Amino acid sequence: MKLQKIVFVTVVAILLVNATSFAQKGKSSSGNCVAQGTILFDAFYGFPYFNGTLLKAAYASDSITTTSTIHNYNHFACGKVEYMISDNIGLGLEFTYAKVTIRYQSSNSLWYDGGIDKYRILGKMNYHFATNSNIDPYLTWGAGYKNTKVYDTQPGAGPDITINLVPVAFRVGIGMRYFFTDLIGVNAEVGMGGPIMQAGLSLKL
């Protein structure tokens, strides 16, 4: 019986130590919310999507086609992952997917669907500065690949067109994360290349 109590107390102690260690993971000795070895995940929504804005303007001025609905989803399926190689430098990847759709009635009185899809994949480097126990400001830059596709279901419109005259994507900006718990927070970023503004949720391990 005594041995069982010792084993039970030991197991409980190990679990408590591991739980405390996990809750504090990602904080440096100075108490900063990110540090070397921290892994960061961001899910975000970005806007605007300029192709969507241009498509709306084009169909608004079309005297032949009557537009039923145009929906600009902006950059709605987006995410980032980052690994801190030091207390100030992080390396990662970013993915964004943007879409605008249109359902319209042509001169033959039939309805058709069309739209523009765009995705981007970038390698990123972030420089973190003025970080404290909750706030994580950073400068960001990166480059990668982009692909834009235009489609139209109207007969005679031709096959889907992939527009990749310059398939290179880039991003420079400044952002910030605010962690309201040891693991969960919110993020916001402004920049050039992709959505001007983006905001969402953050998770760190």
C-alpha atoms as a PDB file:
ATOM      1  CA  MET A   1       0.000   0.000   0.000  1.00  0.00           C
ATOM      2  CA  LYS A   2       2.805   2.392   0.886  1.00  0.00           C
ATOM      3  CA  LEU A   3       4.513   1.711  -2.455  1.00  0.00           C
ATOM      4  CA  GLN A   4       1.258   2.452  -4.307  1.00  0.00           C
ATOM      5  CA  LYS A   5       0.973   5.834  -2.567  1.00  0.00           C
ATOM      6  CA  ILE A   6       4.543   6.705  -3.492  1.00  0.00           C
ATOM      7  CA  VAL A   7       3.930   5.803  -7.146  1.00  0.00           C
ATOM      8  CA  PHE A   8       0.665   7.789  -7.177  1.00  0.00           C
ATOM      9  CA  VAL A   9       2.283  10.918  -5.671  1.00  0.00           C
ATOM     10  CA  THR A  10       5.200  10.637  -8.115  1.00  0.00           C
ATOM     11  CA  VAL A  11       2.895  10.381 -11.149  1.00  0.00           C
ATOM     12  CA  VAL A  12       0.824  13.371  -9.981  1.00  0.00           C
ATOM     13  CA  ALA A  13       3.983  15.415  -9.433  1.00  0.00           C
ATOM     14  CA  ILE A  14       5.266  14.585 -12.923  1.00  0.00           C
ATOM     15  CA  LEU A  15       1.935  15.571 -14.485  1.00  0.00           C
ATOM     16  CA  LEU A  16       1.890  18.883 -12.608  1.00  0.00           C
ATOM     17  CA  VAL A  17       5.442  19.705 -13.665  1.00  0.00           C
ATOM     18  CA  ASN A  18       4.672  18.871 -17.309  1.00  0.00           C
ATOM     19  CA  ALA A  19       1.475  20.932 -17.262  1.00  0.00           C
ATOM     20  CA  THR A  20       3.311  23.916 -15.801  1.00  0.00           C
ATOM     21  CA  SER A  21       6.124  23.527 -18.317  1.00  0.00           C
ATOM     22  CA  PHE A  22       3.642  23.358 -21.236  1.00  0.00           C
ATOM     23  CA  ALA A  23       1.796  26.458 -20.029  1.00  0.00           C
ATOM     24  CA  GLN A  24       5.075  28.394 -19.824  1.00  0.00           C
ATOM     25  CA  LYS A  25       6.493  27.138 -23.102  1.00  0.00           C
ATOM     26  CA  GLY A  26       7.262  29.935 -25.545  1.00  0.00           C
ATOM     27  CA  LYS A  27       8.316  32.387 -22.839  1.00  0.00           C
ATOM     28  CA  SER A  28      11.945  33.403 -22.486  1.00  0.00           C
ATOM     29  CA  SER A  29      13.717  33.890 -19.183  1.00  0.00           C
ATOM     30  CA  SER A  30      12.660  37.545 -19.374  1.00  0.00           C
ATOM     31  CA  GLY A  31       8.986  36.517 -19.524  1.00  0.00           C
ATOM     32  CA  ASN A  32       8.415  37.396 -23.198  1.00  0.00           C
ATOM     33  CA  CYS A  33       5.507  35.657 -24.919  1.00  0.00           C
ATOM     34  CA  VAL A  34       7.701  34.340 -27.765  1.00  0.00           C
ATOM     35  CA  ALA A  35      11.234  33.019 -27.620  1.00  0.00           C
ATOM     36  CA  GLN A  36      13.621  30.705 -29.403  1.00  0.00           C
ATOM     37  CA  GLY A  37      11.857  27.416 -30.092  1.00  0.00           C
ATOM     38  CA  THR A  38       8.311  28.848 -30.042  1.00  0.00           C
ATOM     39  CA  ILE A  39       6.010  27.623 -32.841  1.00  0.00           C
ATOM     40  CA  LEU A  40       3.292  30.068 -33.934  1.00  0.00           C
ATOM     41  CA  PHE A  41       0.139  29.370 -35.952  1.00  0.00           C
ATOM     42  CA  ASP A  42      -2.074  32.143 -37.374  1.00  0.00           C
ATOM     43  CA  ALA A  43      -5.450  31.850 -39.091  1.00  0.00           C
ATOM     44  CA  PHE A  44      -6.629  35.125 -40.606  1.00  0.00           C
ATOM     45  CA  TYR A  45      -8.948  36.964 -43.001  1.00  0.00           C
ATOM     46  CA  GLY A  46      -7.396  39.485 -45.393  1.00  0.00           C
ATOM     47  CA  PHE A  47      -8.839  42.361 -47.384  1.00  0.00           C
ATOM     48  CA  PRO A  48      -9.283  43.810 -49.887  1.00  0.00           C
ATOM     49  CA  TYR A  49      -9.059  41.515 -52.912  1.00  0.00           C
ATOM     50  CA  PHE A  50      -8.530  43.989 -55.752  1.00  0.00           C
ATOM     51  CA  ASN A  51      -9.535  41.566 -58.532  1.00  0.00           C
ATOM     52  CA  GLY A  52     -12.947  41.351 -56.880  1.00  0.00           C
ATOM     53  CA  THR A  53     -13.241  45.126 -56.765  1.00  0.00           C
ATOM     54  CA  LEU A  54     -12.302  45.416 -60.444  1.00  0.00           C
ATOM     55  CA  LEU A  55     -14.762  42.684 -61.481  1.00  0.00           C
ATOM     56  CA  LYS A  56     -17.590  44.456 -59.690  1.00  0.00           C
ATOM     57  CA  ALA A  57     -16.731  47.705 -61.435  1.00  0.00           C
ATOM     58  CA  ALA A  58     -16.535  46.005 -64.856  1.00  0.00           C
ATOM     59  CA  TYR A  59     -19.966  44.375 -64.621  1.00  0.00           C
ATOM     60  CA  ALA A  60     -21.546  47.493 -63.141  1.00  0.00           C
ATOM     61  CA  SER A  61     -20.635  49.355 -66.352  1.00  0.00           C
ATOM     62  CA  ASP A  62     -21.716  46.540 -68.740  1.00  0.00           C
ATOM     63  CA  SER A  63     -24.869  47.543 -70.619  1.00  0.00           C
ATOM     64  CA  ILE A  64     -25.394  44.060 -72.161  1.00  0.00           C
ATOM     65  CA  THR A  65     -25.100  41.819 -69.121  1.00  0.00           C
ATOM     66  CA  THR A  66     -27.444  42.084 -66.164  1.00  0.00           C
ATOM     67  CA  THR A  67     -25.623  41.025 -63.016  1.00  0.00           C
ATOM     68  CA  SER A  68     -27.525  38.999 -60.453  1.00  0.00           C
ATOM     69  CA  THR A  69     -24.914  38.637 -57.720  1.00  0.00           C
ATOM     70  CA  ILE A  70     -21.218  39.331 -57.324  1.00  0.00           C
ATOM     71  CA  HIS A  71     -19.569  38.167 -54.126  1.00  0.00           C
ATOM     72  CA  ASN A  72     -16.031  39.204 -53.234  1.00  0.00           C
ATOM     73  CA  TYR A  73     -14.849  36.787 -50.545  1.00  0.00           C
ATOM     74  CA  ASN A  74     -11.509  38.638 -50.279  1.00  0.00           C
ATOM     75  CA  HIS A  75      -8.686  36.508 -48.788  1.00  0.00           C
ATOM     76  CA  PHE A  76     -10.838  34.172 -46.710  1.00  0.00           C
ATOM     77  CA  ALA A  77      -8.809  30.959 -46.356  1.00  0.00           C
ATOM     78  CA  CYS A  78      -5.438  32.014 -45.004  1.00  0.00           C
ATOM     79  CA  GLY A  79      -2.875  30.737 -42.563  1.00  0.00           C
ATOM     80  CA  LYS A  80       0.713  31.113 -41.368  1.00  0.00           C
ATOM     81  CA  VAL A  81       3.157  28.990 -39.420  1.00  0.00           C
ATOM     82  CA  GLU A  82       6.365  30.331 -37.906  1.00  0.00           C
ATOM     83  CA  TYR A  83       9.253  28.818 -35.970  1.00  0.00           C
ATOM     84  CA  MET A  84      11.428  31.064 -33.797  1.00  0.00           C
ATOM     85  CA  ILE A  85      15.082  30.283 -34.565  1.00  0.00           C
ATOM     86  CA  SER A  86      16.105  32.898 -31.981  1.00  0.00           C
ATOM     87  CA  ASP A  87      14.356  35.230 -29.537  1.00  0.00           C
ATOM     88  CA  ASN A  88      13.994  37.814 -32.349  1.00  0.00           C
ATOM     89  CA  ILE A  89      14.004  35.955 -35.685  1.00  0.00           C
ATOM     90  CA  GLY A  90      11.280  33.642 -36.977  1.00  0.00           C
ATOM     91  CA  LEU A  91      11.071  31.653 -40.230  1.00  0.00           C
ATOM     92  CA  GLY A  92       7.830  30.379 -41.682  1.00  0.00           C
ATOM     93  CA  LEU A  93       5.313  29.892 -44.463  1.00  0.00           C
ATOM     94  CA  GLU A  94       2.179  31.810 -45.440  1.00  0.00           C
ATOM     95  CA  PHE A  95      -0.771  30.653 -47.562  1.00  0.00           C
ATOM     96  CA  THR A  96      -3.620  32.863 -48.806  1.00  0.00           C
ATOM     97  CA  TYR A  97      -6.620  32.029 -50.981  1.00  0.00           C
ATOM     98  CA  ALA A  98      -8.851  34.725 -52.471  1.00  0.00           C
ATOM     99  CA  LYS A  99     -11.998  34.412 -54.563  1.00  0.00           C
ATOM    100  CA  VAL A 100     -14.650  36.487 -56.289  1.00  0.00           C
ATOM    101  CA  THR A 101     -17.716  34.874 -57.914  1.00  0.00           C
ATOM    102  CA  ILE A 102     -20.399  36.180 -60.249  1.00  0.00           C
ATOM    103  CA  ARG A 103     -23.745  34.747 -61.376  1.00  0.00           C
ATOM    104  CA  TYR A 104     -25.097  36.648 -64.353  1.00  0.00           C
ATOM    105  CA  GLN A 105     -27.821  36.573 -67.017  1.00  0.00           C
ATOM    106  CA  SER A 106     -26.503  36.913 -70.544  1.00  0.00           C
ATOM    107  CA  SER A 107     -28.300  38.286 -73.615  1.00  0.00           C
ATOM    108  CA  ASN A 108     -29.754  34.809 -74.302  1.00  0.00           C
ATOM    109  CA  SER A 109     -31.613  35.032 -70.946  1.00  0.00           C
ATOM    110  CA  LEU A 110     -29.680  32.109 -69.507  1.00  0.00           C
ATOM    111  CA  TRP A 111     -27.739  32.257 -66.256  1.00  0.00           C
ATOM    112  CA  TYR A 112     -24.011  31.528 -65.978  1.00  0.00           C
ATOM    113  CA  ASP A 113     -21.306  31.480 -63.324  1.00  0.00           C
ATOM    114  CA  GLY A 114     -17.832  32.903 -63.428  1.00  0.00           C
ATOM    115  CA  GLY A 115     -15.144  34.224 -61.176  1.00  0.00           C
ATOM    116  CA  ILE A 116     -11.496  34.632 -60.269  1.00  0.00           C
ATOM    117  CA  ASP A 117      -9.483  32.448 -57.886  1.00  0.00           C
ATOM    118  CA  LYS A 118      -6.053  33.305 -56.532  1.00  0.00           C
ATOM    119  CA  TYR A 119      -3.678  31.557 -54.164  1.00  0.00           C
ATOM    120  CA  ARG A 120      -0.244  32.493 -52.848  1.00  0.00           C
ATOM    121  CA  ILE A 121       2.444  30.486 -51.026  1.00  0.00           C
ATOM    122  CA  LEU A 122       5.333  32.405 -49.497  1.00  0.00           C
ATOM    123  CA  GLY A 123       8.429  31.747 -47.428  1.00  0.00           C
ATOM    124  CA  LYS A 124       8.601  34.355 -44.643  1.00  0.00           C
ATOM    125  CA  MET A 125      11.091  35.899 -42.233  1.00  0.00           C
ATOM    126  CA  ASN A 126       9.925  37.944 -39.245  1.00  0.00           C
ATOM    127  CA  TYR A 127      11.920  40.214 -36.958  1.00  0.00           C
ATOM    128  CA  HIS A 128      10.317  40.475 -33.500  1.00  0.00           C
ATOM    129  CA  PHE A 129      10.949  43.617 -31.455  1.00  0.00           C
ATOM    130  CA  ALA A 130       9.650  45.227 -28.253  1.00  0.00           C
ATOM    131  CA  THR A 131       8.120  41.885 -27.258  1.00  0.00           C
ATOM    132  CA  ASN A 132       6.765  41.515 -23.725  1.00  0.00           C
ATOM    133  CA  SER A 133       4.662  38.992 -21.804  1.00  0.00           C
ATOM    134  CA  ASN A 134       1.552  39.542 -23.964  1.00  0.00           C
ATOM    135  CA  ILE A 135       2.429  41.620 -27.031  1.00  0.00           C
ATOM    136  CA  ASP A 136       4.519  40.447 -29.973  1.00  0.00           C
ATOM    137  CA  PRO A 137       5.205  43.165 -32.598  1.00  0.00           C
ATOM    138  CA  TYR A 138       7.159  42.155 -35.696  1.00  0.00           C
ATOM    139  CA  LEU A 139       8.398  43.249 -39.117  1.00  0.00           C
ATOM    140  CA  THR A 140       7.811  40.756 -41.920  1.00  0.00           C
ATOM    141  CA  TRP A 141       9.000  40.117 -45.449  1.00  0.00           C
ATOM    142  CA  GLY A 142       8.839  37.194 -47.813  1.00  0.00           C
ATOM    143  CA  ALA A 143       8.538  35.885 -51.366  1.00  0.00           C
ATOM    144  CA  GLY A 144       6.995  32.912 -53.126  1.00  0.00           C
ATOM    145  CA  TYR A 145       4.563  31.743 -55.808  1.00  0.00           C
ATOM    146  CA  LYS A 146       1.127  32.967 -56.880  1.00  0.00           C
ATOM    147  CA  ASN A 147      -1.493  31.591 -59.283  1.00  0.00           C
ATOM    148  CA  THR A 148      -4.591  33.368 -60.599  1.00  0.00           C
ATOM    149  CA  LYS A 149      -7.345  31.579 -62.558  1.00  0.00           C
ATOM    150  CA  VAL A 150     -10.301  33.120 -64.420  1.00  0.00           C
ATOM    151  CA  TYR A 151     -13.302  30.913 -65.260  1.00  0.00           C
ATOM    152  CA  ASP A 152     -16.673  31.336 -66.997  1.00  0.00           C
ATOM    153  CA  THR A 153     -19.313  28.627 -67.562  1.00  0.00           C
ATOM    154  CA  GLN A 154     -20.979  30.346 -70.524  1.00  0.00           C
ATOM    155  CA  PRO A 155     -20.596  28.258 -73.737  1.00  0.00           C
ATOM    156  CA  GLY A 156     -18.088  29.852 -76.045  1.00  0.00           C
ATOM    157  CA  ALA A 157     -16.313  31.622 -73.232  1.00  0.00           C
ATOM    158  CA  GLY A 158     -13.386  29.269 -73.687  1.00  0.00           C
ATOM    159  CA  PRO A 159     -11.417  27.188 -71.166  1.00  0.00           C
ATOM    160  CA  ASP A 160     -10.369  28.434 -67.765  1.00  0.00           C
ATOM    161  CA  ILE A 161      -7.490  30.873 -68.064  1.00  0.00           C
ATOM    162  CA  THR A 162      -4.515  30.810 -65.717  1.00  0.00           C
ATOM    163  CA  ILE A 163      -2.974  34.264 -65.468  1.00  0.00           C
ATOM    164  CA  ASN A 164       0.646  33.918 -64.423  1.00  0.00           C
ATOM    165  CA  LEU A 165       2.527  36.598 -66.324  1.00  0.00           C
ATOM    166  CA  VAL A 166       4.594  37.222 -63.194  1.00  0.00           C
ATOM    167  CA  PRO A 167       4.046  34.219 -60.894  1.00  0.00           C
ATOM    168  CA  VAL A 168       6.159  35.703 -58.102  1.00  0.00           C
ATOM    169  CA  ALA A 169       4.445  36.822 -54.893  1.00  0.00           C
ATOM    170  CA  PHE A 170       5.999  39.067 -52.263  1.00  0.00           C
ATOM    171  CA  ARG A 171       5.081  40.549 -48.907  1.00  0.00           C
ATOM    172  CA  VAL A 172       6.483  43.294 -46.683  1.00  0.00           C
ATOM    173  CA  GLY A 173       4.633  44.558 -43.645  1.00  0.00           C
ATOM    174  CA  ILE A 174       4.364  45.106 -39.936  1.00  0.00           C
ATOM    175  CA  GLY A 175       2.177  43.127 -37.559  1.00  0.00           C
ATOM    176  CA  MET A 176       1.402  42.333 -33.958  1.00  0.00           C
ATOM    177  CA  ARG A 177       0.056  39.461 -31.897  1.00  0.00           C
ATOM    178  CA  TYR A 178      -1.633  39.855 -28.535  1.00  0.00           C
ATOM    179  CA  PHE A 179      -1.821  36.754 -26.333  1.00  0.00           C
ATOM    180  CA  PHE A 180      -4.594  36.887 -23.748  1.00  0.00           C
ATOM    181  CA  THR A 181      -3.640  33.405 -22.473  1.00  0.00           C
ATOM    182  CA  ASP A 182      -0.328  31.534 -22.540  1.00  0.00           C
ATOM    183  CA  LEU A 183      -1.372  29.785 -25.754  1.00  0.00           C
ATOM    184  CA  ILE A 184      -4.127  31.752 -27.526  1.00  0.00           C
ATOM    185  CA  GLY A 185      -4.207  35.262 -28.941  1.00  0.00           C
ATOM    186  CA  VAL A 186      -5.216  37.520 -31.805  1.00  0.00           C
ATOM    187  CA  ASN A 187      -3.179  38.922 -34.686  1.00  0.00           C
ATOM    188  CA  ALA A 188      -3.266  41.892 -37.052  1.00  0.00           C
ATOM    189  CA  GLU A 189      -0.973  42.910 -39.899  1.00  0.00           C
ATOM    190  CA  VAL A 190      -0.741  45.601 -42.572  1.00  0.00           C
ATOM    191  CA  GLY A 191       1.507  45.446 -45.605  1.00  0.00           C
ATOM    192  CA  MET A 192       2.078  45.371 -49.347  1.00  0.00           C
ATOM    193  CA  GLY A 193       1.730  42.240 -51.452  1.00  0.00           C
ATOM    194  CA  GLY A 194      -1.475  40.294 -50.901  1.00  0.00           C
ATOM    195  CA  PRO A 195      -4.120  41.730 -48.570  1.00  0.00           C
ATOM    196  CA  ILE A 196      -3.345  45.200 -47.264  1.00  0.00           C
ATOM    197  CA  MET A 197      -4.925  44.326 -43.942  1.00  0.00           C
ATOM    198  CA  GLN A 198      -5.297  40.966 -42.223  1.00  0.00           C
ATOM    199  CA  ALA A 199      -6.543  39.883 -38.803  1.00  0.00           C
ATOM    200  CA  GLY A 200      -7.367  36.639 -37.049  1.00  0.00           C
ATOM    201  CA  LEU A 201      -6.487  34.198 -34.261  1.00  0.00           C
ATOM    202  CA  SER A 202      -3.095  32.940 -33.073  1.00  0.00           C
ATOM    203  CA  LEU A 203      -1.897  29.816 -31.302  1.00  0.00           C
ATOM    204  CA  LYS A 204       1.585  29.166 -29.942  1.00  0.00           C
ATOM    205  CA  LEU A 205       3.309  26.016 -28.727  1.00  0.00           C
END
